[in-house]
Amino acid sequence: MELSRILIHERKPEQLIELREADPNLQSPRAFPIVIGIVEAAAIGRRLEGIDLPRPMTHDLLANTIEGLGATLEAITIIDLIDGAFIAQLSIARPDGHLVHIDARPSDAIALGIATNVPIFAEESVIEQACVMTPPDDDPTDGFKEHDRQ
């Protein structure tokens, strides 16, 4: 998967990110939105733009902690969709090679991994459920402005 868009609504606390299948061989990659908070949207935007703040934010703190422990964030996987809420998992490789999986909100996981190009995956069952939730004729992005990712 890839983070294809960040959609900002200036009058709502809920923002959207869109994940899209990244396989270049797909004629019609599937995509689905995930509702996130404004703080997480801002954090993802800052990390995409390479903006450093004078003090580390929570996502920076976690990234620094993982690195300080000699571990590496290997992947982000959207593992489940329960009652409209997406569940993500961080895959972290410890220095001894053991892989540890930690549950996370997708927005936090993406904010953590986006600056270092950590791959994003989604379980097939999640993609199928999410695409059913957002039928092609229903545009969940009405009223949102796309955040410039360049």
Protein backbone atom coordinates (compact mmCIF):
# COMPACT_ATOMS: atom_id res chain seq x y z
CA MET A 1 0.00 0.00 0.00
CA GLU A 2 1.03 3.60 -0.33
CA LEU A 3 -0.16 6.79 1.26
CA SER A 4 -1.73 8.36 -1.81
CA ARG A 5 -3.41 11.43 -0.32
CA ILE A 6 -3.86 13.48 2.82
CA LEU A 7 -7.19 15.28 2.78
CA ILE A 8 -7.72 18.24 5.09
CA HIS A 9 -11.09 19.69 6.08
CA GLU A 10 -10.59 23.07 7.73
CA ARG A 11 -13.88 22.99 9.62
CA LYS A 12 -13.84 19.44 10.95
CA PRO A 13 -11.63 17.73 13.52
CA GLU A 14 -11.63 14.55 11.40
CA GLN A 15 -9.21 14.38 8.49
CA LEU A 16 -8.64 11.66 5.88
CA ILE A 17 -5.68 9.78 4.56
CA GLU A 18 -6.07 7.50 1.60
CA LEU A 19 -4.18 4.26 1.15
CA ARG A 20 -3.92 2.81 -2.35
CA GLU A 21 -2.51 -0.46 -3.61
CA ALA A 22 1.04 0.22 -4.78
CA ASP A 23 1.47 -2.64 -7.25
CA PRO A 24 2.38 -1.00 -10.61
CA ASN A 25 0.96 -4.01 -12.47
CA LEU A 26 -2.59 -3.33 -11.28
CA GLN A 27 -4.87 -1.71 -13.87
CA SER A 28 -7.24 -0.41 -11.17
CA PRO A 29 -5.59 -0.26 -7.76
CA ARG A 30 -8.04 -0.32 -4.87
CA ALA A 31 -7.98 2.55 -2.40
CA PHE A 32 -9.74 3.40 0.82
CA PRO A 33 -9.84 6.36 3.23
CA ILE A 34 -8.98 6.25 6.92
CA VAL A 35 -10.35 8.93 9.23
CA ILE A 36 -7.65 10.46 11.44
CA GLY A 37 -7.33 13.44 13.77
CA ILE A 38 -5.95 16.84 12.82
CA VAL A 39 -2.86 16.35 15.01
CA GLU A 40 -1.98 13.10 13.26
CA ALA A 41 -2.65 14.64 9.83
CA ALA A 42 -0.33 17.53 10.70
CA ALA A 43 2.35 15.10 11.95
CA ILE A 44 2.18 13.06 8.75
CA GLY A 45 2.33 16.23 6.66
CA ARG A 46 5.36 17.54 8.59
CA ARG A 47 7.19 14.25 8.24
CA LEU A 48 6.45 14.08 4.50
CA GLU A 49 7.77 17.61 4.07
CA GLY A 50 10.84 16.95 6.24
CA ILE A 51 9.95 19.75 8.64
CA ASP A 52 11.86 19.48 11.91
CA LEU A 53 10.38 21.01 15.03
CA PRO A 54 12.56 22.36 17.84
CA ARG A 55 11.34 19.63 20.19
CA PRO A 56 10.51 16.03 19.30
CA MET A 57 6.84 15.22 18.90
CA THR A 58 5.42 11.87 20.06
CA HIS A 59 6.13 10.14 16.74
CA ASP A 60 9.70 11.44 16.80
CA LEU A 61 10.07 10.24 20.38
CA LEU A 62 8.96 6.74 19.43
CA ALA A 63 11.22 6.69 16.35
CA ASN A 64 14.15 7.83 18.50
CA THR A 65 13.33 5.20 21.13
CA ILE A 66 13.23 2.38 18.58
CA GLU A 67 16.54 3.55 17.11
CA GLY A 68 18.09 4.08 20.56
CA LEU A 69 17.27 0.49 21.49
CA GLY A 70 19.04 -0.72 18.36
CA ALA A 71 15.78 -1.86 16.79
CA THR A 72 14.35 -1.09 13.36
CA LEU A 73 10.80 -0.42 12.23
CA GLU A 74 10.41 -2.94 9.40
CA ALA A 75 6.78 -2.57 8.30
CA ILE A 76 3.35 -1.18 9.05
CA THR A 77 0.39 -3.47 8.44
CA ILE A 78 -3.30 -2.60 8.60
CA ILE A 79 -4.44 -5.87 10.15
CA ASP A 80 -8.12 -5.42 10.94
CA LEU A 81 -11.23 -3.30 10.56
CA ILE A 82 -13.59 -3.52 13.51
CA ASP A 83 -16.81 -1.48 13.62
CA GLY A 84 -15.32 1.05 11.21
CA ALA A 85 -12.03 1.41 13.15
CA PHE A 86 -8.83 0.32 11.46
CA ILE A 87 -6.21 -1.54 13.51
CA ALA A 88 -2.56 -1.33 12.53
CA GLN A 89 0.49 -3.21 13.66
CA LEU A 90 4.13 -2.12 13.82
CA SER A 91 6.67 -4.81 12.96
CA ILE A 92 9.87 -3.98 14.82
CA ALA A 93 13.08 -5.98 14.45
CA ARG A 94 15.05 -6.18 17.68
CA PRO A 95 18.86 -6.27 17.54
CA ASP A 96 18.78 -10.06 18.07
CA GLY A 97 16.68 -10.40 14.88
CA HIS A 98 13.44 -11.25 16.71
CA LEU A 99 10.43 -9.53 15.15
CA VAL A 100 8.01 -7.89 17.58
CA HIS A 101 4.47 -6.84 16.58
CA ILE A 102 2.85 -3.91 18.39
CA ASP A 103 -0.74 -2.76 17.86
CA ALA A 104 -1.16 0.89 16.85
CA ARG A 105 -3.59 3.32 15.32
CA PRO A 106 -2.94 3.54 11.57
CA SER A 107 -2.41 7.29 11.77
CA ASP A 108 0.29 6.92 14.43
CA ALA A 109 1.93 4.04 12.59
CA ILE A 110 2.00 5.97 9.31
CA ALA A 111 3.27 9.14 10.99
CA LEU A 112 6.05 7.06 12.53
CA GLY A 113 7.04 5.21 9.38
CA ILE A 114 6.39 7.63 6.54
CA ALA A 115 9.60 9.66 6.89
CA THR A 116 11.78 6.56 6.56
CA ASN A 117 9.83 4.91 3.72
CA VAL A 118 8.76 1.94 5.82
CA PRO A 119 6.50 -0.28 3.70
CA ILE A 120 2.78 -0.22 4.41
CA PHE A 121 0.76 -3.40 3.97
CA ALA A 122 -2.92 -4.21 4.45
CA GLU A 123 -4.51 -7.58 4.95
CA GLU A 124 -6.65 -8.59 1.96
CA SER A 125 -9.70 -8.91 4.23
CA VAL A 126 -9.23 -5.29 5.35
CA ILE A 127 -8.96 -4.01 1.79
CA GLU A 128 -12.10 -5.91 0.82
CA GLN A 129 -14.08 -4.61 3.81
CA ALA A 130 -12.84 -1.03 3.43
CA CYS A 131 -13.65 -0.92 -0.28
CA VAL A 132 -17.19 -2.17 0.45
CA MET A 133 -17.56 0.61 3.04
CA THR A 134 -16.69 3.24 0.40
CA PRO A 135 -18.52 2.33 -2.80
CA PRO A 136 -17.09 3.87 -6.00
CA ASP A 137 -20.09 6.20 -6.50
CA ASP A 138 -19.76 7.60 -2.94
CA ASP A 139 -17.01 10.19 -2.60
CA PRO A 140 -15.96 10.39 1.08
CA THR A 141 -13.63 13.28 0.19
CA ASP A 142 -16.39 15.85 -0.46
CA GLY A 143 -15.52 19.08 1.35
CA PHE A 144 -11.85 18.13 1.83
CA LYS A 145 -8.78 19.76 0.27
CA GLU A 146 -5.88 17.59 -0.78
CA HIS A 147 -2.67 18.31 1.11
CA ASP A 148 0.27 18.79 -1.24
CA ARG A 149 2.52 15.72 -0.80
CA GLN A 150 5.40 17.15 -2.87
